[in-house]
PDB file of N, CA and C in Angstrom:
ATOM      1  N   MET A   1     -22.529 -20.329  -5.254  1.00  0.00           N
ATOM      2  CA  MET A   1     -21.389 -19.086  -6.030  1.00  0.00           C
ATOM      3  C   MET A   1     -21.417 -18.426  -5.229  1.00  0.00           C
ATOM      4  N   THR A   2     -19.841 -17.538  -6.094  1.00  0.00           N
ATOM      5  CA  THR A   2     -19.628 -17.022  -4.501  1.00  0.00           C
ATOM      6  C   THR A   2     -19.735 -15.940  -5.024  1.00  0.00           C
ATOM      7  N   LYS A   3     -19.993 -14.303  -4.310  1.00  0.00           N
ATOM      8  CA  LYS A   3     -20.132 -13.270  -5.024  1.00  0.00           C
ATOM      9  C   LYS A   3     -18.794 -12.818  -4.658  1.00  0.00           C
ATOM     10  N   SER A   4     -18.615 -11.534  -6.126  1.00  0.00           N
ATOM     11  CA  SER A   4     -17.965 -10.421  -6.062  1.00  0.00           C
ATOM     12  C   SER A   4     -17.613  -9.271  -5.395  1.00  0.00           C
ATOM     13  N   ILE A   5     -17.020  -8.604  -4.277  1.00  0.00           N
ATOM     14  CA  ILE A   5     -17.223  -7.773  -3.583  1.00  0.00           C
ATOM     15  C   ILE A   5     -15.944  -6.621  -4.431  1.00  0.00           C
ATOM     16  N   LYS A   6     -16.543  -5.429  -5.223  1.00  0.00           N
ATOM     17  CA  LYS A   6     -16.086  -4.749  -6.097  1.00  0.00           C
ATOM     18  C   LYS A   6     -15.628  -3.419  -4.708  1.00  0.00           C
ATOM     19  N   VAL A   7     -13.585  -3.825  -4.657  1.00  0.00           N
ATOM     20  CA  VAL A   7     -13.631  -2.650  -3.721  1.00  0.00           C
ATOM     21  C   VAL A   7     -13.079  -1.451  -4.663  1.00  0.00           C
ATOM     22  N   ASN A   8     -13.411  -0.572  -3.345  1.00  0.00           N
ATOM     23  CA  ASN A   8     -12.668   1.342  -4.730  1.00  0.00           C
ATOM     24  C   ASN A   8     -11.289   0.940  -4.307  1.00  0.00           C
ATOM     25  N   GLU A   9     -10.906   1.113  -5.812  1.00  0.00           N
ATOM     26  CA  GLU A   9      -9.793   1.045  -6.240  1.00  0.00           C
ATOM     27  C   GLU A   9      -8.512   2.028  -5.978  1.00  0.00           C
ATOM     28  N   TYR A  10      -9.338   3.176  -5.707  1.00  0.00           N
ATOM     29  CA  TYR A  10      -8.424   4.666  -5.267  1.00  0.00           C
ATOM     30  C   TYR A  10      -8.723   4.453  -3.850  1.00  0.00           C
ATOM     31  N   GLN A  11      -7.769   4.764  -3.034  1.00  0.00           N
ATOM     32  CA  GLN A  11      -7.532   5.423  -2.160  1.00  0.00           C
ATOM     33  C   GLN A  11      -6.686   6.594  -1.657  1.00  0.00           C
ATOM     34  N   HIS A  12      -7.275   7.384  -0.982  1.00  0.00           N
ATOM     35  CA  HIS A  12      -7.151   8.488  -0.475  1.00  0.00           C
ATOM     36  C   HIS A  12      -5.298   8.810  -0.111  1.00  0.00           C
ATOM     37  N   GLY A  13      -4.452   9.896  -0.086  1.00  0.00           N
ATOM     38  CA  GLY A  13      -3.270   9.234   0.436  1.00  0.00           C
ATOM     39  C   GLY A  13      -3.326   9.390   1.923  1.00  0.00           C
ATOM     40  N   TYR A  14      -4.163   9.791   2.589  1.00  0.00           N
ATOM     41  CA  TYR A  14      -4.475   9.856   3.929  1.00  0.00           C
ATOM     42  C   TYR A  14      -4.448   8.397   4.680  1.00  0.00           C
ATOM     43  N   VAL A  15      -4.746   7.691   3.647  1.00  0.00           N
ATOM     44  CA  VAL A  15      -5.565   6.055   4.477  1.00  0.00           C
ATOM     45  C   VAL A  15      -4.519   5.337   5.772  1.00  0.00           C
ATOM     46  N   ASP A  16      -2.940   5.580   5.168  1.00  0.00           N
ATOM     47  CA  ASP A  16      -2.580   5.418   6.021  1.00  0.00           C
ATOM     48  C   ASP A  16      -2.267   5.903   8.093  1.00  0.00           C
ATOM     49  N   GLN A  17      -2.745   6.637   7.543  1.00  0.00           N
ATOM     50  CA  GLN A  17      -2.589   8.186   8.869  1.00  0.00           C
ATOM     51  C   GLN A  17      -4.257   8.021   9.711  1.00  0.00           C
ATOM     52  N   LYS A  18      -5.431   7.315   8.748  1.00  0.00           N
ATOM     53  CA  LYS A  18      -6.564   7.825   8.738  1.00  0.00           C
ATOM     54  C   LYS A  18      -6.861   7.817  10.664  1.00  0.00           C
ATOM     55  N   ALA A  19      -6.248   5.965  11.413  1.00  0.00           N
ATOM     56  CA  ALA A  19      -6.724   6.702  13.060  1.00  0.00           C
ATOM     57  C   ALA A  19      -6.368   7.402  13.665  1.00  0.00           C
ATOM     58  N   ASP A  20      -4.792   8.425  12.785  1.00  0.00           N
ATOM     59  CA  ASP A  20      -4.327   9.263  14.207  1.00  0.00           C
ATOM     60  C   ASP A  20      -4.605  10.420  13.540  1.00  0.00           C
ATOM     61  N   ILE A  21      -5.581  10.613  12.188  1.00  0.00           N
ATOM     62  CA  ILE A  21      -6.393  11.945  12.242  1.00  0.00           C
ATOM     63  C   ILE A  21      -7.594  11.757  12.504  1.00  0.00           C
ATOM     64  N   VAL A  22      -8.477  10.637  12.786  1.00  0.00           N
ATOM     65  CA  VAL A  22      -9.526  11.019  13.477  1.00  0.00           C
ATOM     66  C   VAL A  22      -9.120  10.924  14.965  1.00  0.00           C
ATOM     67  N   LYS A  23      -8.272  10.766  15.723  1.00  0.00           N
ATOM     68  CA  LYS A  23      -7.811  10.917  16.888  1.00  0.00           C
ATOM     69  C   LYS A  23      -7.710  12.045  17.364  1.00  0.00           C
ATOM     70  N   ARG A  24      -6.837  12.686  16.634  1.00  0.00           N
ATOM     71  CA  ARG A  24      -6.510  14.082  16.740  1.00  0.00           C
ATOM     72  C   ARG A  24      -7.398  15.241  16.500  1.00  0.00           C
ATOM     73  N   LEU A  25      -8.124  14.775  15.551  1.00  0.00           N
ATOM     74  CA  LEU A  25      -9.639  15.900  15.356  1.00  0.00           C
ATOM     75  C   LEU A  25     -10.430  15.503  16.543  1.00  0.00           C
ATOM     76  N   ARG A  26     -10.756  13.945  16.726  1.00  0.00           N
ATOM     77  CA  ARG A  26     -11.679  13.896  18.637  1.00  0.00           C
ATOM     78  C   ARG A  26     -10.579  14.719  19.595  1.00  0.00           C
ATOM     79  N   ARG A  27      -9.612  14.799  19.952  1.00  0.00           N
ATOM     80  CA  ARG A  27      -8.804  15.608  20.397  1.00  0.00           C
ATOM     81  C   ARG A  27      -9.287  17.035  20.472  1.00  0.00           C
ATOM     82  N   ILE A  28      -9.003  17.752  19.136  1.00  0.00           N
ATOM     83  CA  ILE A  28      -9.665  19.054  19.037  1.00  0.00           C
ATOM     84  C   ILE A  28     -10.889  19.081  19.239  1.00  0.00           C
ATOM     85  N   GLU A  29     -12.087  18.017  18.731  1.00  0.00           N
ATOM     86  CA  GLU A  29     -12.719  18.066  19.702  1.00  0.00           C
ATOM     87  C   GLU A  29     -13.364  18.552  20.887  1.00  0.00           C
ATOM     88  N   GLY A  30     -13.171  18.269  21.519  1.00  0.00           N
ATOM     89  CA  GLY A  30     -12.473  17.950  23.121  1.00  0.00           C
ATOM     90  C   GLY A  30     -12.454  19.555  23.676  1.00  0.00           C
ATOM     91  N   GLN A  31     -11.174  20.138  22.467  1.00  0.00           N
ATOM     92  CA  GLN A  31     -10.229  21.091  23.071  1.00  0.00           C
ATOM     93  C   GLN A  31     -11.682  22.594  22.142  1.00  0.00           C
ATOM     94  N   VAL A  32     -12.620  22.794  21.915  1.00  0.00           N
ATOM     95  CA  VAL A  32     -13.650  23.064  21.761  1.00  0.00           C
ATOM     96  C   VAL A  32     -14.944  23.137  22.695  1.00  0.00           C
ATOM     97  N   ARG A  33     -14.775  22.187  22.886  1.00  0.00           N
ATOM     98  CA  ARG A  33     -15.764  21.839  23.913  1.00  0.00           C
ATOM     99  C   ARG A  33     -15.302  22.413  25.012  1.00  0.00           C
ATOM    100  N   GLY A  34     -14.354  22.677  25.245  1.00  0.00           N
ATOM    101  CA  GLY A  34     -13.776  22.893  26.309  1.00  0.00           C
ATOM    102  C   GLY A  34     -13.533  24.480  26.446  1.00  0.00           C
ATOM    103  N   LEU A  35     -13.934  25.380  25.241  1.00  0.00           N
ATOM    104  CA  LEU A  35     -13.800  26.835  25.060  1.00  0.00           C
ATOM    105  C   LEU A  35     -15.067  27.244  25.513  1.00  0.00           C
ATOM    106  N   GLN A  36     -16.150  26.411  25.054  1.00  0.00           N
ATOM    107  CA  GLN A  36     -17.464  26.677  25.180  1.00  0.00           C
ATOM    108  C   GLN A  36     -17.326  26.521  26.882  1.00  0.00           C
ATOM    109  N   ARG A  37     -16.814  25.945  27.919  1.00  0.00           N
ATOM    110  CA  ARG A  37     -17.520  26.050  28.739  1.00  0.00           C
ATOM    111  C   ARG A  37     -16.078  27.113  29.150  1.00  0.00           C
ATOM    112  N   LEU A  38     -14.848  27.109  28.936  1.00  0.00           N
ATOM    113  CA  LEU A  38     -14.892  28.588  29.214  1.00  0.00           C
ATOM    114  C   LEU A  38     -15.680  30.013  29.609  1.00  0.00           C
ATOM    115  N   VAL A  39     -16.246  29.829  27.687  1.00  0.00           N
ATOM    116  CA  VAL A  39     -17.014  31.044  28.258  1.00  0.00           C
ATOM    117  C   VAL A  39     -17.609  30.955  28.957  1.00  0.00           C
ATOM    118  N   ASP A  40     -18.829  29.970  29.220  1.00  0.00           N
ATOM    119  CA  ASP A  40     -19.562  29.515  30.087  1.00  0.00           C
ATOM    120  C   ASP A  40     -19.353  30.023  31.378  1.00  0.00           C
ATOM    121  N   GLU A  41     -18.385  29.764  31.916  1.00  0.00           N
ATOM    122  CA  GLU A  41     -17.536  29.827  33.267  1.00  0.00           C
ATOM    123  C   GLU A  41     -17.495  31.198  33.207  1.00  0.00           C
ATOM    124  N   ASP A  42     -16.631  32.426  32.135  1.00  0.00           N
ATOM    125  CA  ASP A  42     -17.130  33.783  31.928  1.00  0.00           C
ATOM    126  C   ASP A  42     -16.034  33.565  32.703  1.00  0.00           C
ATOM    127  N   THR A  43     -14.448  32.488  31.509  1.00  0.00           N
ATOM    128  CA  THR A  43     -13.228  32.502  32.588  1.00  0.00           C
ATOM    129  C   THR A  43     -12.501  33.663  31.742  1.00  0.00           C
ATOM    130  N   TYR A  44     -11.366  34.465  32.079  1.00  0.00           N
ATOM    131  CA  TYR A  44     -10.598  35.649  31.933  1.00  0.00           C
ATOM    132  C   TYR A  44     -10.132  35.488  30.233  1.00  0.00           C
ATOM    133  N   CYS A  45     -10.907  36.491  28.700  1.00  0.00           N
ATOM    134  CA  CYS A  45     -10.965  36.686  28.314  1.00  0.00           C
ATOM    135  C   CYS A  45      -9.227  36.168  27.028  1.00  0.00           C
ATOM    136  N   ILE A  46      -8.247  36.877  28.101  1.00  0.00           N
ATOM    137  CA  ILE A  46      -6.945  36.049  27.415  1.00  0.00           C
ATOM    138  C   ILE A  46      -6.611  34.670  27.960  1.00  0.00           C
ATOM    139  N   ASP A  47      -7.067  34.265  28.664  1.00  0.00           N
ATOM    140  CA  ASP A  47      -6.670  33.074  29.095  1.00  0.00           C
ATOM    141  C   ASP A  47      -7.401  31.847  27.353  1.00  0.00           C
ATOM    142  N   ILE A  48      -8.883  32.194  27.297  1.00  0.00           N
ATOM    143  CA  ILE A  48      -9.677  32.263  26.257  1.00  0.00           C
ATOM    144  C   ILE A  48      -8.728  31.725  24.552  1.00  0.00           C
ATOM    145  N   LEU A  49      -8.311  33.069  24.878  1.00  0.00           N
ATOM    146  CA  LEU A  49      -7.369  33.725  23.077  1.00  0.00           C
ATOM    147  C   LEU A  49      -6.675  32.302  23.284  1.00  0.00           C
ATOM    148  N   THR A  50      -5.608  32.011  24.443  1.00  0.00           N
ATOM    149  CA  THR A  50      -5.111  30.868  24.250  1.00  0.00           C
ATOM    150  C   THR A  50      -4.888  29.434  24.029  1.00  0.00           C
ATOM    151  N   GLN A  51      -7.016  29.297  24.947  1.00  0.00           N
ATOM    152  CA  GLN A  51      -6.668  28.071  24.373  1.00  0.00           C
ATOM    153  C   GLN A  51      -7.188  28.321  22.901  1.00  0.00           C
ATOM    154  N   VAL A  52      -8.002  29.291  22.050  1.00  0.00           N
ATOM    155  CA  VAL A  52      -8.178  28.980  21.154  1.00  0.00           C
ATOM    156  C   VAL A  52      -7.250  29.126  19.915  1.00  0.00           C
ATOM    157  N   ALA A  53      -6.123  29.395  20.007  1.00  0.00           N
ATOM    158  CA  ALA A  53      -4.411  29.643  19.407  1.00  0.00           C
ATOM    159  C   ALA A  53      -4.066  28.296  19.894  1.00  0.00           C
ATOM    160  N   SER A  54      -4.025  27.171  20.563  1.00  0.00           N
ATOM    161  CA  SER A  54      -3.782  26.375  21.018  1.00  0.00           C
ATOM    162  C   SER A  54      -4.153  25.184  19.809  1.00  0.00           C
ATOM    163  N   THR A  55      -6.056  25.645  19.992  1.00  0.00           N
ATOM    164  CA  THR A  55      -6.842  24.568  19.075  1.00  0.00           C
ATOM    165  C   THR A  55      -6.459  24.860  17.860  1.00  0.00           C
ATOM    166  N   THR A  56      -6.632  26.244  17.131  1.00  0.00           N
ATOM    167  CA  THR A  56      -6.221  26.892  15.860  1.00  0.00           C
ATOM    168  C   THR A  56      -5.058  26.124  15.373  1.00  0.00           C
ATOM    169  N   LYS A  57      -3.737  26.395  15.950  1.00  0.00           N
ATOM    170  CA  LYS A  57      -2.260  25.189  15.878  1.00  0.00           C
ATOM    171  C   LYS A  57      -2.631  23.576  15.367  1.00  0.00           C
ATOM    172  N   ALA A  58      -3.756  22.609  15.781  1.00  0.00           N
ATOM    173  CA  ALA A  58      -3.809  21.524  16.304  1.00  0.00           C
ATOM    174  C   ALA A  58      -4.430  21.677  14.599  1.00  0.00           C
ATOM    175  N   LEU A  59      -5.112  22.465  14.671  1.00  0.00           N
ATOM    176  CA  LEU A  59      -6.419  21.865  13.044  1.00  0.00           C
ATOM    177  C   LEU A  59      -5.542  22.399  12.233  1.00  0.00           C
ATOM    178  N   GLU A  60      -4.836  23.382  12.531  1.00  0.00           N
ATOM    179  CA  GLU A  60      -3.814  23.737  11.273  1.00  0.00           C
ATOM    180  C   GLU A  60      -2.235  22.681  11.073  1.00  0.00           C
ATOM    181  N   SER A  61      -1.777  21.752  12.324  1.00  0.00           N
ATOM    182  CA  SER A  61      -0.986  20.677  11.790  1.00  0.00           C
ATOM    183  C   SER A  61      -1.863  19.864  11.020  1.00  0.00           C
ATOM    184  N   VAL A  62      -3.176  19.324  11.186  1.00  0.00           N
ATOM    185  CA  VAL A  62      -3.838  18.145  10.230  1.00  0.00           C
ATOM    186  C   VAL A  62      -3.873  18.746   9.119  1.00  0.00           C
ATOM    187  N   ALA A  63      -4.278  20.272   8.729  1.00  0.00           N
ATOM    188  CA  ALA A  63      -4.381  20.061   7.533  1.00  0.00           C
ATOM    189  C   ALA A  63      -3.058  20.292   7.123  1.00  0.00           C
ATOM    190  N   PHE A  64      -2.097  20.133   7.572  1.00  0.00           N
ATOM    191  CA  PHE A  64      -0.720  20.386   7.189  1.00  0.00           C
ATOM    192  C   PHE A  64      -0.530  18.496   6.468  1.00  0.00           C
ATOM    193  N   ALA A  65      -0.717  18.207   7.619  1.00  0.00           N
ATOM    194  CA  ALA A  65      -0.571  16.248   7.511  1.00  0.00           C
ATOM    195  C   ALA A  65      -1.542  15.736   6.749  1.00  0.00           C
ATOM    196  N   LEU A  66      -2.813  16.191   6.185  1.00  0.00           N
ATOM    197  CA  LEU A  66      -3.314  15.965   5.426  1.00  0.00           C
ATOM    198  C   LEU A  66      -3.135  16.192   3.795  1.00  0.00           C
ATOM    199  N   LEU A  67      -2.509  17.773   3.749  1.00  0.00           N
ATOM    200  CA  LEU A  67      -1.896  18.897   2.263  1.00  0.00           C
ATOM    201  C   LEU A  67      -0.403  17.668   1.796  1.00  0.00           C
ATOM    202  N   ASP A  68       0.059  17.344   3.179  1.00  0.00           N
ATOM    203  CA  ASP A  68       1.790  16.890   2.952  1.00  0.00           C
ATOM    204  C   ASP A  68       1.284  15.519   2.144  1.00  0.00           C
ATOM    205  N   ASP A  69       0.245  14.508   2.798  1.00  0.00           N
ATOM    206  CA  ASP A  69      -0.322  13.293   1.934  1.00  0.00           C
ATOM    207  C   ASP A  69      -0.805  13.591   0.598  1.00  0.00           C
ATOM    208  N   HIS A  70      -1.646  15.136   0.477  1.00  0.00           N
ATOM    209  CA  HIS A  70      -2.130  15.710  -0.730  1.00  0.00           C
ATOM    210  C   HIS A  70      -0.888  14.739  -2.076  1.00  0.00           C
ATOM    211  N   MET A  71       0.054  15.776  -1.552  1.00  0.00           N
ATOM    212  CA  MET A  71       0.806  16.313  -2.009  1.00  0.00           C
ATOM    213  C   MET A  71       1.828  14.916  -2.560  1.00  0.00           C
ATOM    214  N   HIS A  72       1.951  14.366  -1.791  1.00  0.00           N
ATOM    215  CA  HIS A  72       3.093  12.865  -1.821  1.00  0.00           C
ATOM    216  C   HIS A  72       2.190  11.659  -2.551  1.00  0.00           C
ATOM    217  N   HIS A  73       0.727  11.987  -2.262  1.00  0.00           N
ATOM    218  CA  HIS A  73       0.362  10.452  -3.043  1.00  0.00           C
ATOM    219  C   HIS A  73      -0.563  10.742  -3.908  1.00  0.00           C
ATOM    220  N   CYS A  74      -1.684  11.950  -4.557  1.00  0.00           N
ATOM    221  CA  CYS A  74      -2.427  12.223  -5.033  1.00  0.00           C
ATOM    222  C   CYS A  74      -2.023  13.153  -6.673  1.00  0.00           C
ATOM    223  N   LEU A  75      -1.170  14.475  -5.826  1.00  0.00           N
ATOM    224  CA  LEU A  75      -0.671  14.973  -7.239  1.00  0.00           C
ATOM    225  C   LEU A  75       0.673  14.043  -7.663  1.00  0.00           C
ATOM    226  N   VAL A  76       1.433  13.127  -6.831  1.00  0.00           N
ATOM    227  CA  VAL A  76       2.650  11.843  -7.589  1.00  0.00           C
ATOM    228  C   VAL A  76       1.438  11.307  -8.144  1.00  0.00           C
ATOM    229  N   GLU A  77       0.729  10.785  -8.082  1.00  0.00           N
ATOM    230  CA  GLU A  77       0.161   9.889  -9.183  1.00  0.00           C
ATOM    231  C   GLU A  77      -0.634  10.607 -10.192  1.00  0.00           C
ATOM    232  N   ALA A  78      -1.138  11.872  -9.461  1.00  0.00           N
ATOM    233  CA  ALA A  78      -1.944  13.062 -10.915  1.00  0.00           C
ATOM    234  C   ALA A  78      -0.269  13.034 -12.371  1.00  0.00           C
ATOM    235  N   ALA A  79       0.617  13.373 -12.037  1.00  0.00           N
ATOM    236  CA  ALA A  79       1.691  13.399 -12.626  1.00  0.00           C
ATOM    237  C   ALA A  79       2.373  12.028 -13.410  1.00  0.00           C
ATOM    238  N   LYS A  80       2.271  11.039 -12.842  1.00  0.00           N
ATOM    239  CA  LYS A  80       2.743   9.691 -13.296  1.00  0.00           C
ATOM    240  C   LYS A  80       1.209   9.937 -14.661  1.00  0.00           C
ATOM    241  N   LYS A  81       0.303  10.160 -14.560  1.00  0.00           N
ATOM    242  CA  LYS A  81      -0.304   9.988 -15.683  1.00  0.00           C
ATOM    243  C   LYS A  81      -0.186  10.850 -16.777  1.00  0.00           C
ATOM    244  N   GLY A  82       0.175  12.717 -16.039  1.00  0.00           N
ATOM    245  CA  GLY A  82       0.268  13.741 -16.881  1.00  0.00           C
ATOM    246  C   GLY A  82      -1.058  14.187 -17.813  1.00  0.00           C
ATOM    247  N   GLY A  83      -1.107  14.467 -18.620  1.00  0.00           N
ATOM    248  CA  GLY A  83      -2.425  15.631 -19.169  1.00  0.00           C
ATOM    249  C   GLY A  83      -2.875  16.539 -18.367  1.00  0.00           C
ATOM    250  N   LYS A  84      -4.052  16.224 -18.963  1.00  0.00           N
ATOM    251  CA  LYS A  84      -5.164  17.366 -18.321  1.00  0.00           C
ATOM    252  C   LYS A  84      -5.690  16.751 -16.792  1.00  0.00           C
ATOM    253  N   GLU A  85      -5.693  15.567 -15.827  1.00  0.00           N
ATOM    254  CA  GLU A  85      -5.370  15.082 -14.778  1.00  0.00           C
ATOM    255  C   GLU A  85      -4.685  15.782 -14.099  1.00  0.00           C
ATOM    256  N   SER A  86      -3.274  15.532 -14.612  1.00  0.00           N
ATOM    257  CA  SER A  86      -2.315  16.205 -13.748  1.00  0.00           C
ATOM    258  C   SER A  86      -2.502  17.623 -13.720  1.00  0.00           C
ATOM    259  N   ASP A  87      -2.764  18.746 -14.415  1.00  0.00           N
ATOM    260  CA  ASP A  87      -2.698  19.878 -14.371  1.00  0.00           C
ATOM    261  C   ASP A  87      -4.022  20.460 -13.507  1.00  0.00           C
ATOM    262  N   ALA A  88      -5.637  19.880 -13.464  1.00  0.00           N
ATOM    263  CA  ALA A  88      -6.703  19.434 -12.638  1.00  0.00           C
ATOM    264  C   ALA A  88      -6.019  19.666 -11.335  1.00  0.00           C
ATOM    265  N   LYS A  89      -5.229  18.145 -11.692  1.00  0.00           N
ATOM    266  CA  LYS A  89      -5.087  18.080 -10.001  1.00  0.00           C
ATOM    267  C   LYS A  89      -4.106  19.257  -9.239  1.00  0.00           C
ATOM    268  N   ILE A  90      -3.122  19.597 -10.214  1.00  0.00           N
ATOM    269  CA  ILE A  90      -2.278  21.017  -9.608  1.00  0.00           C
ATOM    270  C   ILE A  90      -2.692  22.327  -9.267  1.00  0.00           C
ATOM    271  N   ASP A  91      -3.993  22.284  -9.989  1.00  0.00           N
ATOM    272  CA  ASP A  91      -4.839  23.400  -9.544  1.00  0.00           C
ATOM    273  C   ASP A  91      -5.587  23.700  -8.356  1.00  0.00           C
ATOM    274  N   GLU A  92      -5.657  22.130  -8.302  1.00  0.00           N
ATOM    275  CA  GLU A  92      -6.906  22.028  -6.931  1.00  0.00           C
ATOM    276  C   GLU A  92      -5.815  22.309  -5.620  1.00  0.00           C
ATOM    277  N   ALA A  93      -4.636  21.830  -5.367  1.00  0.00           N
ATOM    278  CA  ALA A  93      -3.708  21.632  -4.916  1.00  0.00           C
ATOM    279  C   ALA A  93      -3.566  22.909  -4.551  1.00  0.00           C
ATOM    280  N   SER A  94      -3.552  23.967  -5.834  1.00  0.00           N
ATOM    281  CA  SER A  94      -3.086  25.438  -5.333  1.00  0.00           C
ATOM    282  C   SER A  94      -3.952  25.952  -4.860  1.00  0.00           C
ATOM    283  N   LYS A  95      -4.977  26.248  -4.888  1.00  0.00           N
ATOM    284  CA  LYS A  95      -6.105  25.979  -4.679  1.00  0.00           C
ATOM    285  C   LYS A  95      -6.536  26.037  -3.073  1.00  0.00           C
ATOM    286  N   ALA A  96      -5.994  25.062  -2.579  1.00  0.00           N
ATOM    287  CA  ALA A  96      -6.740  24.442  -1.731  1.00  0.00           C
ATOM    288  C   ALA A  96      -5.540  25.315  -0.605  1.00  0.00           C
ATOM    289  N   ILE A  97      -3.998  25.244  -0.886  1.00  0.00           N
ATOM    290  CA  ILE A  97      -3.310  26.293  -0.864  1.00  0.00           C
ATOM    291  C   ILE A  97      -3.432  27.689  -0.692  1.00  0.00           C
ATOM    292  N   LYS A  98      -3.789  28.233  -1.390  1.00  0.00           N
ATOM    293  CA  LYS A  98      -4.544  29.536  -0.742  1.00  0.00           C
ATOM    294  C   LYS A  98      -5.638  29.120  -0.259  1.00  0.00           C
ATOM    295  N   ARG A  99      -6.223  29.176  -0.399  1.00  0.00           N
ATOM    296  CA  ARG A  99      -7.601  28.986   0.766  1.00  0.00           C
ATOM    297  C   ARG A  99      -6.904  29.280   2.451  1.00  0.00           C
ATOM    298  N   PHE A 100      -6.013  28.290   2.187  1.00  0.00           N
ATOM    299  CA  PHE A 100      -5.344  27.646   3.926  1.00  0.00           C
ATOM    300  C   PHE A 100      -4.606  29.000   4.227  1.00  0.00           C
ATOM    301  N   PHE A 101      -4.204  29.856   3.459  1.00  0.00           N
ATOM    302  CA  PHE A 101      -3.582  31.093   3.631  1.00  0.00           C
ATOM    303  C   PHE A 101      -4.435  32.411   3.299  1.00  0.00           C
ATOM    304  N   ARG A 102      -5.301  32.346   3.394  1.00  0.00           N
ATOM    305  CA  ARG A 102      -6.103  33.576   2.825  1.00  0.00           C
ATOM    306  C   ARG A 102      -6.405  34.079   3.829  1.00  0.00           C
ATOM    307  N   THR A 103      -6.286  35.611   5.088  1.00  0.00           N
ATOM    308  CA  THR A 103      -5.979  35.763   6.179  1.00  0.00           C
ATOM    309  C   THR A 103      -7.647  36.832   6.117  1.00  0.00           C
TER     310      THR A 103
END
């Protein structure tokens, strides 16, 4: 008798870009380790700040890619279903965008 394995029917919007996102996050992790090394080595402040800005932009790039995938996948699916689920997903995305742009 063959046992059936239930597969998660829901896939996040970024599933097709998952390997790329993980690769980018690992690169960012390396940048952060580099920042730690710069501080340990008493590197000039402006040079460290330049690298912090680069790391921040890299993280923002990942965030925008995830947000784009979320809008094209999760929000579109919720909009097709309509009703409370659609409203909840739009509210959720709106709050996430507000958190992201909070300074």
